[in-house]
Structures are given as structure tokens and as C-alpha cells.
Protein backbone atom coordinates (compact mmCIF):
# COMPACT_ATOMS: atom_id res chain seq x y z
CA MET A 1 -46.28 -8.83 21.90
CA THR A 2 -49.48 -8.91 23.93
CA PHE A 3 -53.07 -8.94 22.66
CA THR A 4 -55.83 -8.21 25.13
CA VAL A 5 -59.62 -8.36 24.95
CA GLU A 6 -59.69 -4.58 24.61
CA ASN A 7 -57.41 -4.90 21.57
CA LEU A 8 -59.76 -7.46 20.04
CA GLU A 9 -62.79 -5.21 20.55
CA PHE A 10 -60.94 -2.28 18.99
CA PHE A 11 -59.75 -4.40 16.04
CA LEU A 12 -63.26 -5.72 15.32
CA ALA A 13 -64.66 -2.18 15.29
CA ILE A 14 -62.00 -1.12 12.78
CA ALA A 15 -62.61 -4.21 10.67
CA MET A 16 -66.37 -3.59 10.52
CA ARG A 17 -65.98 -0.03 9.24
CA ILE A 18 -63.47 -1.06 6.58
CA ALA A 19 -65.55 -4.10 5.56
CA GLY A 20 -68.65 -1.92 5.19
CA PHE A 21 -66.65 0.43 2.98
CA VAL A 22 -65.12 -2.32 0.82
CA PHE A 23 -68.46 -4.00 0.13
CA ILE A 24 -70.02 -0.71 -1.12
CA ALA A 25 -67.14 1.40 -2.46
CA PRO A 26 -66.21 1.56 -6.16
CA PHE A 27 -63.65 -0.89 -7.58
CA PHE A 28 -63.90 -3.20 -4.56
CA SER A 29 -67.67 -3.78 -4.65
CA ASN A 30 -67.58 -5.30 -8.13
CA SER A 31 -69.61 -8.52 -8.19
CA SER A 32 -66.84 -10.25 -10.16
CA MET A 33 -64.59 -9.93 -7.11
CA PRO A 34 -65.05 -13.01 -4.86
CA GLN A 35 -66.56 -12.44 -1.44
CA ARG A 36 -63.62 -14.19 0.20
CA ALA A 37 -61.24 -11.78 -1.52
CA LYS A 38 -63.24 -8.83 -0.15
CA LEU A 39 -63.12 -10.32 3.35
CA LEU A 40 -59.38 -10.95 3.06
CA LEU A 41 -58.80 -7.40 1.83
CA SER A 42 -60.90 -5.96 4.66
CA PHE A 43 -59.04 -8.06 7.26
CA SER A 44 -55.62 -7.11 5.83
CA VAL A 45 -56.37 -3.38 5.74
CA ALA A 46 -57.93 -3.53 9.22
CA LEU A 47 -54.86 -5.31 10.58
CA VAL A 48 -52.55 -2.61 9.25
CA THR A 49 -54.89 0.14 10.41
CA PHE A 50 -55.02 -1.36 13.91
CA PHE A 51 -51.33 -0.55 14.41
CA VAL A 52 -51.75 2.96 12.97
CA VAL A 53 -54.86 4.22 14.75
CA PRO A 54 -54.03 5.11 18.37
CA GLN A 55 -56.20 3.68 21.13
CA ASP A 56 -56.04 6.30 23.85
CA GLU A 57 -58.70 4.72 26.08
CA PRO A 58 -60.92 1.59 26.09
CA LEU A 59 -64.16 1.65 24.10
CA SER A 60 -67.18 2.89 26.00
CA TYR A 61 -70.29 0.70 25.79
CA ASN A 62 -72.78 -1.02 28.06
CA GLY A 63 -72.85 -4.81 27.83
CA VAL A 64 -73.13 -7.07 24.81
CA ILE A 65 -76.03 -5.12 23.32
CA GLY A 66 -74.07 -1.88 23.62
CA TYR A 67 -71.06 -3.40 21.87
CA ALA A 68 -73.31 -4.84 19.14
CA GLY A 69 -74.75 -1.36 18.57
CA LEU A 70 -71.24 0.07 18.37
CA ILE A 71 -70.22 -2.54 15.79
CA ILE A 72 -73.34 -1.91 13.71
CA SER A 73 -72.77 1.86 13.79
CA GLU A 74 -69.20 1.36 12.57
CA ALA A 75 -70.40 -0.88 9.73
CA ILE A 76 -73.02 1.70 8.71
CA ALA A 77 -70.41 4.48 8.84
CA GLY A 78 -68.20 2.51 6.45
CA MET A 79 -71.15 1.82 4.14
CA VAL A 80 -72.07 5.52 4.08
CA LEU A 81 -68.51 6.43 3.09
CA GLY A 82 -68.52 3.75 0.39
CA LEU A 83 -71.91 4.84 -0.91
CA PHE A 84 -70.89 8.47 -1.27
CA ALA A 85 -67.69 7.42 -3.06
CA ASN A 86 -69.66 5.14 -5.39
CA LEU A 87 -72.03 7.95 -6.38
CA ALA A 88 -69.28 9.54 -8.50
CA LEU A 89 -69.42 6.65 -10.99
CA PHE A 90 -73.07 7.40 -11.69
CA ILE A 91 -71.86 10.55 -13.45
CA LEU A 92 -70.34 8.32 -16.13
CA SER A 93 -73.56 6.32 -16.43
CA PHE A 94 -75.57 9.52 -16.89
CA ALA A 95 -73.10 10.88 -19.46
CA GLY A 96 -73.24 7.65 -21.46
CA GLN A 97 -77.05 7.61 -21.49
CA ILE A 98 -77.18 11.21 -22.75
CA ALA A 99 -74.60 10.42 -25.45
CA ASP A 100 -76.50 7.33 -26.64
CA MET A 101 -79.75 9.29 -26.68
CA GLU A 102 -78.16 11.78 -29.09
CA ILE A 103 -76.43 9.15 -31.22
CA GLY A 104 -79.45 6.85 -31.45
CA LEU A 105 -78.22 3.87 -29.44
CA TYR A 106 -80.35 4.43 -26.37
CA MET A 107 -82.44 1.30 -26.95
CA VAL A 108 -79.34 -0.95 -26.88
CA THR A 109 -78.52 -1.88 -23.29
CA GLN A 110 -75.96 -4.09 -21.56
CA PHE A 111 -75.71 -5.54 -18.08
CA ASP A 112 -73.44 -3.65 -15.72
CA PRO A 113 -71.98 -6.12 -13.19
CA THR A 114 -70.81 -3.26 -10.97
CA ASN A 115 -74.23 -1.78 -10.27
CA GLN A 116 -76.32 -4.86 -11.13
CA MET A 117 -78.45 -2.99 -13.66
CA GLN A 118 -79.01 -2.52 -17.38
CA ILE A 119 -77.18 0.47 -18.86
CA THR A 120 -76.41 1.73 -22.36
CA ILE A 121 -73.31 0.93 -24.41
CA SER A 122 -71.58 4.28 -23.92
CA SER A 123 -72.26 4.18 -20.16
CA ASN A 124 -70.55 0.79 -19.95
CA LEU A 125 -67.66 2.13 -22.04
CA PHE A 126 -67.15 5.16 -19.81
CA ILE A 127 -67.41 3.19 -16.56
CA PHE A 128 -64.98 0.44 -17.57
CA ALA A 129 -62.51 2.82 -19.22
CA VAL A 130 -62.39 5.20 -16.25
CA THR A 131 -62.27 2.33 -13.74
CA LEU A 132 -59.34 0.70 -15.54
CA THR A 133 -57.56 4.04 -15.79
CA MET A 134 -57.96 4.66 -12.06
CA VAL A 135 -56.74 1.18 -11.17
CA ALA A 136 -53.78 1.49 -13.54
CA THR A 137 -52.73 4.75 -11.86
CA ASN A 138 -53.23 3.35 -8.31
CA LEU A 139 -56.02 5.79 -7.48
CA HIS A 140 -57.87 2.98 -5.73
CA LEU A 141 -55.11 3.00 -3.11
CA TYR A 142 -55.87 6.65 -2.35
CA ILE A 143 -59.50 5.69 -1.74
CA LEU A 144 -58.39 3.03 0.75
CA ARG A 145 -56.14 5.58 2.40
CA ALA A 146 -59.11 7.96 2.66
CA VAL A 147 -61.15 5.44 4.65
CA VAL A 148 -58.13 4.76 6.88
CA ASP A 149 -57.74 8.50 7.48
CA SER A 150 -61.42 8.65 8.46
CA PHE A 151 -60.48 7.13 11.81
CA GLU A 152 -58.73 10.41 12.68
CA LEU A 153 -61.84 12.48 11.90
CA ILE A 154 -64.36 9.94 13.19
CA PRO A 155 -62.93 8.03 16.17
CA ILE A 156 -64.21 4.54 16.93
CA GLY A 157 -67.62 4.65 18.59
CA GLU A 158 -68.15 8.37 17.95
CA ALA A 159 -69.81 8.33 14.52
CA VAL A 160 -72.84 10.62 14.34
CA PHE A 161 -75.48 10.07 11.65
CA SER A 162 -76.76 13.55 10.95
CA PRO A 163 -80.29 13.83 9.52
CA MET A 164 -78.96 16.66 7.34
CA MET A 165 -76.90 14.18 5.33
CA TYR A 166 -79.39 14.46 2.48
CA GLN A 167 -78.08 17.98 1.83
CA GLY A 168 -74.78 16.49 0.72
CA TYR A 169 -76.68 14.25 -1.68
CA LEU A 170 -78.69 17.16 -3.06
CA GLY A 171 -75.49 19.11 -3.57
CA PHE A 172 -74.11 16.17 -5.52
CA LEU A 173 -77.13 16.15 -7.85
CA PHE A 174 -76.16 19.59 -9.17
CA ASP A 175 -72.58 18.47 -9.87
CA TYR A 176 -73.99 15.23 -11.29
CA MET A 177 -75.85 17.09 -14.05
CA VAL A 178 -73.09 19.60 -14.77
CA LEU A 179 -70.22 17.08 -14.96
CA GLY A 180 -72.29 14.63 -16.99
CA PHE A 181 -73.03 17.25 -19.65
CA ARG A 182 -69.40 18.39 -19.62
CA ILE A 183 -68.26 14.88 -20.48
CA VAL A 184 -70.63 14.50 -23.44
CA LEU A 185 -70.26 18.07 -24.70
CA PRO A 186 -68.11 16.99 -27.71
CA VAL A 187 -70.86 14.58 -28.78
CA PHE A 188 -73.46 17.35 -28.52
CA ALA A 189 -71.30 19.72 -30.58
CA ALA A 190 -70.57 17.17 -33.31
CA LEU A 191 -74.19 16.08 -33.65
CA LEU A 192 -75.35 19.70 -33.67
CA VAL A 193 -73.22 20.24 -36.77
CA VAL A 194 -74.66 17.05 -38.30
CA ASN A 195 -78.23 18.23 -37.66
CA ALA A 196 -77.46 21.58 -39.26
CA VAL A 197 -76.02 19.87 -42.35
CA LEU A 198 -79.04 17.58 -42.61
CA ALA A 199 -81.39 20.56 -42.35
CA VAL A 200 -79.60 22.28 -45.23
CA LEU A 201 -79.69 19.09 -47.33
CA ALA A 202 -83.40 18.63 -46.62
CA LYS A 203 -84.06 22.07 -48.13
CA ALA A 204 -81.62 21.65 -51.02
CA ALA A 205 -82.69 18.12 -51.98
CA PRO A 206 -86.21 17.33 -50.67
CA GLN A 207 -86.29 14.06 -52.60
CA MET A 208 -83.59 12.54 -50.37
CA ASN A 209 -84.71 10.42 -47.41
CA MET A 210 -83.08 12.36 -44.57
CA PHE A 211 -84.33 9.93 -41.94
CA VAL A 212 -82.31 7.04 -43.35
CA ILE A 213 -79.25 9.14 -44.10
CA GLY A 214 -79.37 11.03 -40.79
CA PHE A 215 -79.68 7.90 -38.66
CA GLN A 216 -76.59 6.30 -40.17
CA LEU A 217 -74.64 9.55 -40.24
CA LYS A 218 -75.38 10.27 -36.57
CA ILE A 219 -74.15 6.84 -35.53
CA PHE A 220 -70.95 7.22 -37.56
CA VAL A 221 -70.19 10.74 -36.27
CA GLY A 222 -71.13 9.80 -32.72
CA LEU A 223 -68.86 6.75 -32.62
CA ALA A 224 -66.03 8.73 -34.22
CA THR A 225 -66.43 11.44 -31.57
CA LEU A 226 -66.43 8.85 -28.76
CA THR A 227 -63.21 7.41 -30.21
CA ILE A 228 -61.56 10.83 -30.13
CA MET A 229 -62.85 11.37 -26.59
CA MET A 230 -60.81 8.36 -25.44
CA LEU A 231 -57.72 10.57 -25.87
CA PHE A 232 -59.05 12.74 -23.04
CA LEU A 233 -59.78 9.77 -20.78
CA PRO A 234 -57.11 10.75 -18.17
CA SER A 235 -58.78 14.15 -17.73
CA ILE A 236 -62.21 12.54 -17.33
CA SER A 237 -60.79 10.07 -14.80
CA GLU A 238 -59.17 12.87 -12.81
CA MET A 239 -62.43 14.83 -12.76
CA VAL A 240 -64.38 11.79 -11.52
CA PHE A 241 -61.73 11.02 -8.89
CA GLU A 242 -61.82 14.59 -7.59
CA GLN A 243 -65.60 14.36 -7.30
CA MET A 244 -65.22 11.01 -5.51
CA MET A 245 -62.84 12.47 -2.93
CA LYS A 246 -65.13 15.49 -2.51
CA LEU A 247 -68.05 13.16 -1.74
CA LEU A 248 -65.92 11.22 0.74
CA LYS A 249 -65.07 14.45 2.56
CA THR A 250 -68.75 15.43 2.56
CA ALA A 251 -69.77 12.08 4.06
CA ALA A 252 -67.01 12.28 6.68
CA ALA A 253 -68.13 15.79 7.61
CA TYR A 254 -71.68 14.59 8.29
CA LEU A 255 -70.37 11.64 10.35
CA THR A 256 -67.96 13.71 12.42
CA PRO A 257 -69.14 14.28 16.00
């Protein structure tokens, strides 16, 4: 088996795109995952990909500066793919914030190690539950396969960063709102019934303190509804995964020459 300088240049370009993806993409970008493990994963996937992606001709660049620019462009291409895939998890964060706003737990926040930010309790619940479901069903392997398949659509050194990429992000914002409200629709429906009951009780028994009763009742009904929603977790995970793959295809389309 021979290994030439051209092979090394080609391998490094592959490794940079995959490393950029791993350090930004969902599941793999978690801060609890050691940096050395991310590097080892990137190297292992790049090594396998090197024998899969055909190298029809040597890379075209001009000197050391040209090769450095090629490597940087490959890293940015991988980061763009990872960023678009990671956007799908923000749907869960948005859904959890809307649910907590209705239940009355919006002021209670927790630290999310994935996104390095403070989020509400229900957001953390949705993110961790869906992430664990995806990992348990090996959906993270399909995401890795998607970035490996990107080398067929976007050959090494031919990534194009279109200024119209923001249109893909704007298109995601519409789905972001719609899917977020679809997830928390059971909470909205349950609390709508609770509000109607409280309104009737306020007219029937004005001497009752509806603020105290309503606050406790909303929390109880909201948590009970979230518990029932866990039965539909596979459907929510599938919906988020489909959106994630759609965003990956959108990013690849804007990077394709």
C-alpha cells in the first residue's frame, strides 16, 4: 500500500470538513464530550471516508497559501453543515419555553450544556429526551453518513458559499414556529380547558381566590400533560430528525458549485 503527498493533502481536506461538522453538529458538539474524543472521531470517520471518496485528479491550488485557503474553506463547509443540522434542536427549546410560559414555570431556568445557555425546564426535558431517543435508535449514524455523502455533492475544493444562504435560514424560521407550536399543542389545549373552568368558577363562586387555585391547577395539569406527551416522544423525535435532514440538504444545496 502506497501513501503519497497527494493522498495526504486529500486526507487532510476530508478531515477538516468532518472535524468542522463534528464540533458544531448536534450530539457530537456536546461540551460533556472530551475534545480528544471529538478529534479521534473526526480522524476515524475521515480515514474511512478517504477510502470511499474517489480522487479522480490532484487538488488544484497555488502554493501554501492556496492550500491553506482550501483547508479553511473545507472546515467552514463542515461547520455550515453542522450549524444547519443543529438548528433543528432549537425547535425543542422554543417548544419548551412556550409550554413553560403557559404552565407558569418560565422563570425557572437550567443550564443547557449543549448550547451553553440558560433554558427552561421543559426545554431541557425535550432536548435531552429527543437526543437520547435519537441516539438509542442510531439516528446519529445517519447524520454522520449525511456529511460523508456531502463529498459526492460538494467535491473537495469546490465548495461555494452562496450569499443567498440566508434564504434557507429564513425558510427554517417558518418551520421553527409551526413545529414548535405543534409540539406544545396538547399543553395549549389542556390549559385552555383549565382557564375555561376557572372562568366559570370565578362567576359561580366569587369569594374563591382563583389566582391561588389557578396557579397550582395549571402546574398540575401542565405537568400531567407533559407526562402523557412522553408517550409520543418517538413521533416528536422523527419530526425533528426529518427537519434536521431537510436543513442538511438545504445547506448542501447552497454549498454545491
